[in-house]
Amino acid sequence: MQWHKTKLPGIRYRLHPTRKHGIQADRYYVVTYKDHGKTRTEALGWMSEGMNEVKALEILAKLKTNRRDGEGFQTLSEKRRLAEEKKLAEQARKDAEALAEEIEKKE
């Protein structure tokens, strides 16, 4: 597996040997950045699923801004964890509302 650099710092991709996006090989993008002195590399996704260099740059810029300001998610894994927690909280809220409606109907 060979990684290819883009013109944008911190963003690279690899080409899938058989998977195609149009007529060209599909690209898998990752970003590399510093987190508390350690170099982190995190996956973003496939070009065929909507990822491209511009979106990767926006994500990397958001990570850097959040680290500088001390707000929001600091890593992509933290972003995924926060999204999952939000999804679970929303589901719990909907379940509680449904239960309340069911109890109200019985009364």
PDB file of N, CA and C in Angstrom:
ATOM      1  N   MET A   1       0.848  -1.162   0.000  1.00  0.00           N
ATOM      2  CA  MET A   1       0.000   0.000   0.000  1.00  0.00           C
ATOM      3  C   MET A   1       0.900   1.233   0.000  1.00  0.00           C
ATOM      4  N   GLN A   2       0.712   2.081  -0.974  1.00  0.00           N
ATOM      5  CA  GLN A   2       1.521   3.277  -1.111  1.00  0.00           C
ATOM      6  C   GLN A   2       0.663   4.514  -0.906  1.00  0.00           C
ATOM      7  N   TRP A   3       1.143   5.411  -0.054  1.00  0.00           N
ATOM      8  CA  TRP A   3       0.431   6.658   0.200  1.00  0.00           C
ATOM      9  C   TRP A   3       0.950   7.725  -0.743  1.00  0.00           C
ATOM     10  N   HIS A   4       0.035   8.574  -1.219  1.00  0.00           N
ATOM     11  CA  HIS A   4       0.366   9.666  -2.121  1.00  0.00           C
ATOM     12  C   HIS A   4       0.083  10.987  -1.422  1.00  0.00           C
ATOM     13  N   LYS A   5       1.029  11.915  -1.517  1.00  0.00           N
ATOM     14  CA  LYS A   5       0.834  13.242  -0.933  1.00  0.00           C
ATOM     15  C   LYS A   5      -0.034  14.080  -1.856  1.00  0.00           C
ATOM     16  N   THR A   6      -0.776  14.990  -1.250  1.00  0.00           N
ATOM     17  CA  THR A   6      -1.514  15.977  -2.032  1.00  0.00           C
ATOM     18  C   THR A   6      -0.732  17.287  -1.962  1.00  0.00           C
ATOM     19  N   LYS A   7      -1.195  18.283  -2.661  1.00  0.00           N
ATOM     20  CA  LYS A   7      -0.561  19.596  -2.587  1.00  0.00           C
ATOM     21  C   LYS A   7      -0.867  20.271  -1.257  1.00  0.00           C
ATOM     22  N   LEU A   8      -1.838  19.760  -0.537  1.00  0.00           N
ATOM     23  CA  LEU A   8      -2.254  20.327   0.745  1.00  0.00           C
ATOM     24  C   LEU A   8      -1.537  19.603   1.883  1.00  0.00           C
ATOM     25  N   PRO A   9      -0.876  20.333   2.783  1.00  0.00           N
ATOM     26  CA  PRO A   9      -0.146  19.682   3.872  1.00  0.00           C
ATOM     27  C   PRO A   9      -1.086  18.970   4.845  1.00  0.00           C
ATOM     28  N   GLY A  10      -0.675  17.783   5.271  1.00  0.00           N
ATOM     29  CA  GLY A  10      -1.446  17.023   6.248  1.00  0.00           C
ATOM     30  C   GLY A  10      -2.509  16.133   5.639  1.00  0.00           C
ATOM     31  N   ILE A  11      -2.631  16.119   4.317  1.00  0.00           N
ATOM     32  CA  ILE A  11      -3.649  15.306   3.655  1.00  0.00           C
ATOM     33  C   ILE A  11      -2.962  14.385   2.651  1.00  0.00           C
ATOM     34  N   ARG A  12      -3.298  13.110   2.726  1.00  0.00           N
ATOM     35  CA  ARG A  12      -2.759  12.150   1.767  1.00  0.00           C
ATOM     36  C   ARG A  12      -3.821  11.116   1.445  1.00  0.00           C
ATOM     37  N   TYR A  13      -3.538  10.294   0.452  1.00  0.00           N
ATOM     38  CA  TYR A  13      -4.497   9.280   0.019  1.00  0.00           C
ATOM     39  C   TYR A  13      -3.766   8.057  -0.504  1.00  0.00           C
ATOM     40  N   ARG A  14      -4.510   6.967  -0.588  1.00  0.00           N
ATOM     41  CA  ARG A  14      -3.998   5.766  -1.240  1.00  0.00           C
ATOM     42  C   ARG A  14      -5.011   5.353  -2.290  1.00  0.00           C
ATOM     43  N   LEU A  15      -4.528   4.708  -3.314  1.00  0.00           N
ATOM     44  CA  LEU A  15      -5.382   4.255  -4.399  1.00  0.00           C
ATOM     45  C   LEU A  15      -5.768   2.798  -4.172  1.00  0.00           C
ATOM     46  N   HIS A  16      -7.041   2.495  -4.370  1.00  0.00           N
ATOM     47  CA  HIS A  16      -7.507   1.120  -4.255  1.00  0.00           C
ATOM     48  C   HIS A  16      -7.087   0.372  -5.515  1.00  0.00           C
ATOM     49  N   PRO A  17      -6.573  -0.849  -5.388  1.00  0.00           N
ATOM     50  CA  PRO A  17      -6.067  -1.560  -6.567  1.00  0.00           C
ATOM     51  C   PRO A  17      -7.135  -1.936  -7.591  1.00  0.00           C
ATOM     52  N   THR A  18      -8.375  -2.167  -7.162  1.00  0.00           N
ATOM     53  CA  THR A  18      -9.403  -2.592  -8.111  1.00  0.00           C
ATOM     54  C   THR A  18     -10.640  -1.702  -8.103  1.00  0.00           C
ATOM     55  N   ARG A  19     -10.940  -1.093  -6.994  1.00  0.00           N
ATOM     56  CA  ARG A  19     -12.149  -0.272  -6.857  1.00  0.00           C
ATOM     57  C   ARG A  19     -12.009   1.007  -7.684  1.00  0.00           C
ATOM     58  N   LYS A  20     -13.045   1.341  -8.431  1.00  0.00           N
ATOM     59  CA  LYS A  20     -12.994   2.508  -9.308  1.00  0.00           C
ATOM     60  C   LYS A  20     -14.005   3.565  -8.879  1.00  0.00           C
ATOM     61  N   HIS A  21     -13.650   4.820  -9.172  1.00  0.00           N
ATOM     62  CA  HIS A  21     -14.560   5.953  -9.025  1.00  0.00           C
ATOM     63  C   HIS A  21     -14.576   6.624 -10.387  1.00  0.00           C
ATOM     64  N   GLY A  22     -15.596   6.309 -11.161  1.00  0.00           N
ATOM     65  CA  GLY A  22     -15.596   6.738 -12.558  1.00  0.00           C
ATOM     66  C   GLY A  22     -14.600   5.883 -13.316  1.00  0.00           C
ATOM     67  N   ILE A  23     -13.660   6.513 -13.991  1.00  0.00           N
ATOM     68  CA  ILE A  23     -12.649   5.743 -14.725  1.00  0.00           C
ATOM     69  C   ILE A  23     -11.331   5.647 -13.966  1.00  0.00           C
ATOM     70  N   GLN A  24     -11.199   6.430 -12.894  1.00  0.00           N
ATOM     71  CA  GLN A  24      -9.947   6.383 -12.134  1.00  0.00           C
ATOM     72  C   GLN A  24     -10.093   5.530 -10.876  1.00  0.00           C
ATOM     73  N   ALA A  25      -8.961   5.146 -10.317  1.00  0.00           N
ATOM     74  CA  ALA A  25      -8.959   4.342  -9.092  1.00  0.00           C
ATOM     75  C   ALA A  25      -9.525   5.157  -7.943  1.00  0.00           C
ATOM     76  N   ASP A  26     -10.280   4.504  -7.075  1.00  0.00           N
ATOM     77  CA  ASP A  26     -10.868   5.168  -5.920  1.00  0.00           C
ATOM     78  C   ASP A  26      -9.769   5.561  -4.939  1.00  0.00           C
ATOM     79  N   ARG A  27      -9.932   6.717  -4.303  1.00  0.00           N
ATOM     80  CA  ARG A  27      -8.945   7.223  -3.344  1.00  0.00           C
ATOM     81  C   ARG A  27      -9.507   7.166  -1.928  1.00  0.00           C
ATOM     82  N   TYR A  28      -8.628   6.785  -0.980  1.00  0.00           N
ATOM     83  CA  TYR A  28      -8.972   6.753   0.435  1.00  0.00           C
ATOM     84  C   TYR A  28      -8.159   7.833   1.133  1.00  0.00           C
ATOM     85  N   TYR A  29      -8.831   8.847   1.690  1.00  0.00           N
ATOM     86  CA  TYR A  29      -8.152  10.001   2.271  1.00  0.00           C
ATOM     87  C   TYR A  29      -7.946   9.846   3.777  1.00  0.00           C
ATOM     88  N   VAL A  30      -6.809  10.376   4.246  1.00  0.00           N
ATOM     89  CA  VAL A  30      -6.508  10.469   5.679  1.00  0.00           C
ATOM     90  C   VAL A  30      -5.901  11.844   5.951  1.00  0.00           C
ATOM     91  N   VAL A  31      -6.016  12.286   7.199  1.00  0.00           N
ATOM     92  CA  VAL A  31      -5.362  13.523   7.628  1.00  0.00           C
ATOM     93  C   VAL A  31      -4.350  13.182   8.701  1.00  0.00           C
ATOM     94  N   THR A  32      -3.282  13.966   8.750  1.00  0.00           N
ATOM     95  CA  THR A  32      -2.240  13.807   9.754  1.00  0.00           C
ATOM     96  C   THR A  32      -2.048  15.150  10.448  1.00  0.00           C
ATOM     97  N   TYR A  33      -2.029  15.121  11.787  1.00  0.00           N
ATOM     98  CA  TYR A  33      -1.891  16.351  12.558  1.00  0.00           C
ATOM     99  C   TYR A  33      -1.265  16.026  13.903  1.00  0.00           C
ATOM    100  N   LYS A  34      -0.855  17.068  14.606  1.00  0.00           N
ATOM    101  CA  LYS A  34      -0.260  16.913  15.936  1.00  0.00           C
ATOM    102  C   LYS A  34      -1.335  17.048  17.001  1.00  0.00           C
ATOM    103  N   ASP A  35      -1.271  16.161  18.001  1.00  0.00           N
ATOM    104  CA  ASP A  35      -2.202  16.190  19.125  1.00  0.00           C
ATOM    105  C   ASP A  35      -1.393  15.966  20.393  1.00  0.00           C
ATOM    106  N   HIS A  36      -1.223  17.009  21.179  1.00  0.00           N
ATOM    107  CA  HIS A  36      -0.429  16.946  22.412  1.00  0.00           C
ATOM    108  C   HIS A  36       0.964  16.390  22.151  1.00  0.00           C
ATOM    109  N   GLY A  37       1.597  16.854  21.093  1.00  0.00           N
ATOM    110  CA  GLY A  37       2.962  16.457  20.773  1.00  0.00           C
ATOM    111  C   GLY A  37       3.093  15.148  20.023  1.00  0.00           C
ATOM    112  N   LYS A  38       2.013  14.438  19.831  1.00  0.00           N
ATOM    113  CA  LYS A  38       2.053  13.179  19.108  1.00  0.00           C
ATOM    114  C   LYS A  38       1.432  13.362  17.727  1.00  0.00           C
ATOM    115  N   THR A  39       1.977  12.671  16.755  1.00  0.00           N
ATOM    116  CA  THR A  39       1.422  12.728  15.414  1.00  0.00           C
ATOM    117  C   THR A  39       0.279  11.735  15.316  1.00  0.00           C
ATOM    118  N   ARG A  40      -0.883  12.228  14.904  1.00  0.00           N
ATOM    119  CA  ARG A  40      -2.069  11.379  14.743  1.00  0.00           C
ATOM    120  C   ARG A  40      -2.434  11.340  13.276  1.00  0.00           C
ATOM    121  N   THR A  41      -2.820  10.162  12.815  1.00  0.00           N
ATOM    122  CA  THR A  41      -3.332   9.990  11.464  1.00  0.00           C
ATOM    123  C   THR A  41      -4.704   9.353  11.595  1.00  0.00           C
ATOM    124  N   GLU A  42      -5.707  10.016  11.028  1.00  0.00           N
ATOM    125  CA  GLU A  42      -7.072   9.499  11.124  1.00  0.00           C
ATOM    126  C   GLU A  42      -7.713   9.457   9.747  1.00  0.00           C
ATOM    127  N   ALA A  43      -8.511   8.418   9.539  1.00  0.00           N
ATOM    128  CA  ALA A  43      -9.159   8.184   8.263  1.00  0.00           C
ATOM    129  C   ALA A  43     -10.353   9.102   8.060  1.00  0.00           C
ATOM    130  N   LEU A  44     -10.563   9.488   6.804  1.00  0.00           N
ATOM    131  CA  LEU A  44     -11.710  10.318   6.446  1.00  0.00           C
ATOM    132  C   LEU A  44     -12.711   9.569   5.583  1.00  0.00           C
ATOM    133  N   GLY A  45     -12.252   8.862   4.580  1.00  0.00           N
ATOM    134  CA  GLY A  45     -13.177   8.100   3.751  1.00  0.00           C
ATOM    135  C   GLY A  45     -12.775   8.055   2.289  1.00  0.00           C
ATOM    136  N   TRP A  46     -13.629   7.416   1.510  1.00  0.00           N
ATOM    137  CA  TRP A  46     -13.393   7.181   0.088  1.00  0.00           C
ATOM    138  C   TRP A  46     -13.915   8.327  -0.767  1.00  0.00           C
ATOM    139  N   MET A  47     -13.243   8.538  -1.862  1.00  0.00           N
ATOM    140  CA  MET A  47     -13.671   9.538  -2.833  1.00  0.00           C
ATOM    141  C   MET A  47     -15.050   9.175  -3.394  1.00  0.00           C
ATOM    142  N   SER A  48     -15.293   7.901  -3.609  1.00  0.00           N
ATOM    143  CA  SER A  48     -16.579   7.459  -4.154  1.00  0.00           C
ATOM    144  C   SER A  48     -17.732   7.687  -3.174  1.00  0.00           C
ATOM    145  N   GLU A  49     -17.417   7.893  -1.906  1.00  0.00           N
ATOM    146  CA  GLU A  49     -18.432   8.150  -0.887  1.00  0.00           C
ATOM    147  C   GLU A  49     -18.514   9.636  -0.535  1.00  0.00           C
ATOM    148  N   GLY A  50     -17.899  10.484  -1.369  1.00  0.00           N
ATOM    149  CA  GLY A  50     -18.042  11.921  -1.200  1.00  0.00           C
ATOM    150  C   GLY A  50     -16.849  12.668  -0.640  1.00  0.00           C
ATOM    151  N   MET A  51     -15.804  11.992  -0.231  1.00  0.00           N
ATOM    152  CA  MET A  51     -14.641  12.679   0.322  1.00  0.00           C
ATOM    153  C   MET A  51     -13.773  13.199  -0.824  1.00  0.00           C
ATOM    154  N   ASN A  52     -13.185  14.373  -0.623  1.00  0.00           N
ATOM    155  CA  ASN A  52     -12.229  14.909  -1.586  1.00  0.00           C
ATOM    156  C   ASN A  52     -11.234  15.786  -0.839  1.00  0.00           C
ATOM    157  N   GLU A  53     -10.267  16.344  -1.562  1.00  0.00           N
ATOM    158  CA  GLU A  53      -9.221  17.126  -0.917  1.00  0.00           C
ATOM    159  C   GLU A  53      -9.771  18.376  -0.237  1.00  0.00           C
ATOM    160  N   VAL A  54     -10.762  19.010  -0.833  1.00  0.00           N
ATOM    161  CA  VAL A  54     -11.329  20.229  -0.255  1.00  0.00           C
ATOM    162  C   VAL A  54     -12.025  19.921   1.070  1.00  0.00           C
ATOM    163  N   LYS A  55     -12.824  18.848   1.104  1.00  0.00           N
ATOM    164  CA  LYS A  55     -13.495  18.464   2.355  1.00  0.00           C
ATOM    165  C   LYS A  55     -12.476  18.062   3.411  1.00  0.00           C
ATOM    166  N   ALA A  56     -11.434  17.356   2.995  1.00  0.00           N
ATOM    167  CA  ALA A  56     -10.385  16.952   3.930  1.00  0.00           C
ATOM    168  C   ALA A  56      -9.710  18.176   4.532  1.00  0.00           C
ATOM    169  N   LEU A  57      -9.456  19.189   3.701  1.00  0.00           N
ATOM    170  CA  LEU A  57      -8.845  20.416   4.195  1.00  0.00           C
ATOM    171  C   LEU A  57      -9.765  21.131   5.176  1.00  0.00           C
ATOM    172  N   GLU A  58     -11.058  21.159   4.911  1.00  0.00           N
ATOM    173  CA  GLU A  58     -12.017  21.785   5.823  1.00  0.00           C
ATOM    174  C   GLU A  58     -12.040  21.075   7.172  1.00  0.00           C
ATOM    175  N   ILE A  59     -12.006  19.743   7.143  1.00  0.00           N
ATOM    176  CA  ILE A  59     -12.003  18.962   8.383  1.00  0.00           C
ATOM    177  C   ILE A  59     -10.727  19.224   9.171  1.00  0.00           C
ATOM    178  N   LEU A  60      -9.593  19.219   8.487  1.00  0.00           N
ATOM    179  CA  LEU A  60      -8.320  19.473   9.150  1.00  0.00           C
ATOM    180  C   LEU A  60      -8.283  20.880   9.739  1.00  0.00           C
ATOM    181  N   ALA A  61      -8.797  21.865   9.011  1.00  0.00           N
ATOM    182  CA  ALA A  61      -8.843  23.241   9.519  1.00  0.00           C
ATOM    183  C   ALA A  61      -9.739  23.326  10.754  1.00  0.00           C
ATOM    184  N   LYS A  62     -10.870  22.629  10.745  1.00  0.00           N
ATOM    185  CA  LYS A  62     -11.783  22.619  11.898  1.00  0.00           C
ATOM    186  C   LYS A  62     -11.100  22.005  13.121  1.00  0.00           C
ATOM    187  N   LEU A  63     -10.367  20.915  12.920  1.00  0.00           N
ATOM    188  CA  LEU A  63      -9.636  20.292  14.025  1.00  0.00           C
ATOM    189  C   LEU A  63      -8.624  21.269  14.620  1.00  0.00           C
ATOM    190  N   LYS A  64      -7.881  21.939  13.760  1.00  0.00           N
ATOM    191  CA  LYS A  64      -6.861  22.877  14.233  1.00  0.00           C
ATOM    192  C   LYS A  64      -7.496  24.067  14.952  1.00  0.00           C
ATOM    193  N   THR A  65      -8.605  24.565  14.424  1.00  0.00           N
ATOM    194  CA  THR A  65      -9.306  25.677  15.070  1.00  0.00           C
ATOM    195  C   THR A  65      -9.829  25.273  16.438  1.00  0.00           C
ATOM    196  N   ASN A  66     -10.424  24.091  16.536  1.00  0.00           N
ATOM    197  CA  ASN A  66     -10.939  23.603  17.814  1.00  0.00           C
ATOM    198  C   ASN A  66      -9.813  23.429  18.826  1.00  0.00           C
ATOM    199  N   ARG A  67      -8.666  22.931  18.396  1.00  0.00           N
ATOM    200  CA  ARG A  67      -7.542  22.755  19.318  1.00  0.00           C
ATOM    201  C   ARG A  67      -7.056  24.119  19.813  1.00  0.00           C
ATOM    202  N   ARG A  68      -6.976  25.082  18.905  1.00  0.00           N
ATOM    203  CA  ARG A  68      -6.493  26.411  19.269  1.00  0.00           C
ATOM    204  C   ARG A  68      -7.467  27.100  20.233  1.00  0.00           C
ATOM    205  N   ASP A  69      -8.763  26.990  19.963  1.00  0.00           N
ATOM    206  CA  ASP A  69      -9.775  27.661  20.776  1.00  0.00           C
ATOM    207  C   ASP A  69     -10.178  26.866  22.014  1.00  0.00           C
ATOM    208  N   GLY A  70      -9.871  25.585  22.048  1.00  0.00           N
ATOM    209  CA  GLY A  70     -10.247  24.745  23.181  1.00  0.00           C
ATOM    210  C   GLY A  70     -11.722  24.412  23.210  1.00  0.00           C
ATOM    211  N   GLU A  71     -12.371  24.462  22.067  1.00  0.00           N
ATOM    212  CA  GLU A  71     -13.805  24.182  21.984  1.00  0.00           C
ATOM    213  C   GLU A  71     -14.060  23.032  21.026  1.00  0.00           C
ATOM    214  N   GLY A  72     -15.190  22.384  21.191  1.00  0.00           N
ATOM    215  CA  GLY A  72     -15.593  21.330  20.257  1.00  0.00           C
ATOM    216  C   GLY A  72     -14.699  20.111  20.315  1.00  0.00           C
ATOM    217  N   PHE A  73     -14.799  19.294  19.288  1.00  0.00           N
ATOM    218  CA  PHE A  73     -14.007  18.065  19.228  1.00  0.00           C
ATOM    219  C   PHE A  73     -12.554  18.389  18.879  1.00  0.00           C
ATOM    220  N   GLN A  74     -11.639  17.641  19.489  1.00  0.00           N
ATOM    221  CA  GLN A  74     -10.208  17.854  19.274  1.00  0.00           C
ATOM    222  C   GLN A  74      -9.621  16.837  18.291  1.00  0.00           C
ATOM    223  N   THR A  75     -10.287  15.688  18.168  1.00  0.00           N
ATOM    224  CA  THR A  75      -9.851  14.642  17.241  1.00  0.00           C
ATOM    225  C   THR A  75     -11.075  14.099  16.515  1.00  0.00           C
ATOM    226  N   LEU A  76     -10.845  13.379  15.450  1.00  0.00           N
ATOM    227  CA  LEU A  76     -11.962  12.788  14.725  1.00  0.00           C
ATOM    228  C   LEU A  76     -12.614  11.665  15.533  1.00  0.00           C
ATOM    229  N   SER A  77     -11.823  10.931  16.297  1.00  0.00           N
ATOM    230  CA  SER A  77     -12.409   9.879  17.129  1.00  0.00           C
ATOM    231  C   SER A  77     -13.308  10.500  18.207  1.00  0.00           C
ATOM    232  N   GLU A  78     -12.923  11.646  18.735  1.00  0.00           N
ATOM    233  CA  GLU A  78     -13.768  12.345  19.703  1.00  0.00           C
ATOM    234  C   GLU A  78     -15.043  12.861  19.029  1.00  0.00           C
ATOM    235  N   LYS A  79     -14.934  13.324  17.786  1.00  0.00           N
ATOM    236  CA  LYS A  79     -16.108  13.784  17.040  1.00  0.00           C
ATOM    237  C   LYS A  79     -17.095  12.633  16.857  1.00  0.00           C
ATOM    238  N   ARG A  80     -16.577  11.452  16.489  1.00  0.00           N
ATOM    239  CA  ARG A  80     -17.443  10.284  16.316  1.00  0.00           C
ATOM    240  C   ARG A  80     -18.107   9.883  17.629  1.00  0.00           C
ATOM    241  N   ARG A  81     -17.349   9.937  18.738  1.00  0.00           N
ATOM    242  CA  ARG A  81     -17.880   9.579  20.042  1.00  0.00           C
ATOM    243  C   ARG A  81     -18.993  10.553  20.460  1.00  0.00           C
ATOM    244  N   LEU A  82     -18.770  11.845  20.248  1.00  0.00           N
ATOM    245  CA  LEU A  82     -19.782  12.850  20.591  1.00  0.00           C
ATOM    246  C   LEU A  82     -21.042  12.681  19.752  1.00  0.00           C
ATOM    247  N   ALA A  83     -20.875  12.355  18.475  1.00  0.00           N
ATOM    248  CA  ALA A  83     -22.032  12.134  17.604  1.00  0.00           C
ATOM    249  C   ALA A  83     -22.819  10.915  18.058  1.00  0.00           C
ATOM    250  N   GLU A  84     -22.126   9.865  18.474  1.00  0.00           N
ATOM    251  CA  GLU A  84     -22.794   8.652  18.954  1.00  0.00           C
ATOM    252  C   GLU A  84     -23.545   8.936  20.253  1.00  0.00           C
ATOM    253  N   GLU A  85     -22.919   9.691  21.172  1.00  0.00           N
ATOM    254  CA  GLU A  85     -23.590  10.050  22.418  1.00  0.00           C
ATOM    255  C   GLU A  85     -24.830  10.894  22.152  1.00  0.00           C
ATOM    256  N   LYS A  86     -24.749  11.812  21.216  1.00  0.00           N
ATOM    257  CA  LYS A  86     -25.897  12.648  20.863  1.00  0.00           C
ATOM    258  C   LYS A  86     -27.019  11.794  20.283  1.00  0.00           C
ATOM    259  N   LYS A  87     -26.656  10.849  19.445  1.00  0.00           N
ATOM    260  CA  LYS A  87     -27.639   9.954  18.834  1.00  0.00           C
ATOM    261  C   LYS A  87     -28.339   9.106  19.904  1.00  0.00           C
ATOM    262  N   LEU A  88     -27.567   8.578  20.854  1.00  0.00           N
ATOM    263  CA  LEU A  88     -28.140   7.773  21.926  1.00  0.00           C
ATOM    264  C   LEU A  88     -29.044   8.614  22.834  1.00  0.00           C
ATOM    265  N   ALA A  89     -28.632   9.848  23.132  1.00  0.00           N
ATOM    266  CA  ALA A  89     -29.449  10.731  23.966  1.00  0.00           C
ATOM    267  C   ALA A  89     -30.763  11.068  23.266  1.00  0.00           C
ATOM    268  N   GLU A  90     -30.708  11.309  21.970  1.00  0.00           N
ATOM    269  CA  GLU A  90     -31.918  11.606  21.204  1.00  0.00           C
ATOM    270  C   GLU A  90     -32.860  10.400  21.194  1.00  0.00           C
ATOM    271  N   GLN A  91     -32.294   9.205  21.031  1.00  0.00           N
ATOM    272  CA  GLN A  91     -33.117   7.994  21.043  1.00  0.00           C
ATOM    273  C   GLN A  91     -33.754   7.781  22.408  1.00  0.00           C
ATOM    274  N   ALA A  92     -32.997   8.037  23.481  1.00  0.00           N
ATOM    275  CA  ALA A  92     -33.533   7.897  24.836  1.00  0.00           C
ATOM    276  C   ALA A  92     -34.670   8.897  25.067  1.00  0.00           C
ATOM    277  N   ARG A  93     -34.519  10.129  24.556  1.00  0.00           N
ATOM    278  CA  ARG A  93     -35.561  11.137  24.683  1.00  0.00           C
ATOM    279  C   ARG A  93     -36.831  10.708  23.952  1.00  0.00           C
ATOM    280  N   LYS A  94     -36.662  10.174  22.741  1.00  0.00           N
ATOM    281  CA  LYS A  94     -37.826   9.706  21.970  1.00  0.00           C
ATOM    282  C   LYS A  94     -38.512   8.539  22.673  1.00  0.00           C
ATOM    283  N   ASP A  95     -37.724   7.620  23.235  1.00  0.00           N
ATOM    284  CA  ASP A  95     -38.288   6.487  23.962  1.00  0.00           C
ATOM    285  C   ASP A  95     -39.075   6.961  25.183  1.00  0.00           C
ATOM    286  N   ALA A  96     -38.533   7.949  25.895  1.00  0.00           N
ATOM    287  CA  ALA A  96     -39.211   8.476  27.076  1.00  0.00           C
ATOM    288  C   ALA A  96     -40.518   9.161  26.693  1.00  0.00           C
ATOM    289  N   GLU A  97     -40.521   9.901  25.586  1.00  0.00           N
ATOM    290  CA  GLU A  97     -41.747  10.550  25.123  1.00  0.00           C
ATOM    291  C   GLU A  97     -42.797   9.522  24.738  1.00  0.00           C
ATOM    292  N   ALA A  98     -42.364   8.460  24.048  1.00  0.00           N
ATOM    293  CA  ALA A  98     -43.291   7.411  23.637  1.00  0.00           C
ATOM    294  C   ALA A  98     -43.881   6.716  24.863  1.00  0.00           C
ATOM    295  N   LEU A  99     -43.064   6.457  25.862  1.00  0.00           N
ATOM    296  CA  LEU A  99     -43.536   5.827  27.090  1.00  0.00           C
ATOM    297  C   LEU A  99     -44.527   6.735  27.810  1.00  0.00           C
ATOM    298  N   ALA A 100     -44.226   8.031  27.862  1.00  0.00           N
ATOM    299  CA  ALA A 100     -45.125   8.984  28.512  1.00  0.00           C
ATOM    300  C   ALA A 100     -46.471   9.030  27.790  1.00  0.00           C
ATOM    301  N   GLU A 101     -46.458   9.010  26.467  1.00  0.00           N
ATOM    302  CA  GLU A 101     -47.706   9.002  25.694  1.00  0.00           C
ATOM    303  C   GLU A 101     -48.504   7.727  25.952  1.00  0.00           C
ATOM    304  N   GLU A 102     -47.808   6.605  26.038  1.00  0.00           N
ATOM    305  CA  GLU A 102     -48.466   5.320  26.288  1.00  0.00           C
ATOM    306  C   GLU A 102     -49.130   5.307  27.661  1.00  0.00           C
ATOM    307  N   ILE A 103     -48.429   5.832  28.654  1.00  0.00           N
ATOM    308  CA  ILE A 103     -48.995   5.888  30.012  1.00  0.00           C
ATOM    309  C   ILE A 103     -50.181   6.834  30.043  1.00  0.00           C
ATOM    310  N   GLU A 104     -50.083   7.948  29.319  1.00  0.00           N
ATOM    311  CA  GLU A 104     -51.162   8.927  29.280  1.00  0.00           C
ATOM    312  C   GLU A 104     -52.419   8.322  28.608  1.00  0.00           C
ATOM    313  N   LYS A 105     -52.235   7.516  27.609  1.00  0.00           N
ATOM    314  CA  LYS A 105     -53.364   6.880  26.931  1.00  0.00           C
ATOM    315  C   LYS A 105     -54.087   5.881  27.850  1.00  0.00           C
ATOM    316  N   LYS A 106     -53.330   5.215  28.689  1.00  0.00           N
ATOM    317  CA  LYS A 106     -53.914   4.214  29.584  1.00  0.00           C
ATOM    318  C   LYS A 106     -54.742   4.864  30.693  1.00  0.00           C
ATOM    319  N   GLU A 107     -54.427   6.100  31.032  1.00  0.00           N
ATOM    320  CA  GLU A 107     -55.140   6.775  32.143  1.00  0.00           C
ATOM    321  C   GLU A 107     -56.445   7.316  31.748  1.00  0.00           C
TER     322      GLU A 107
END
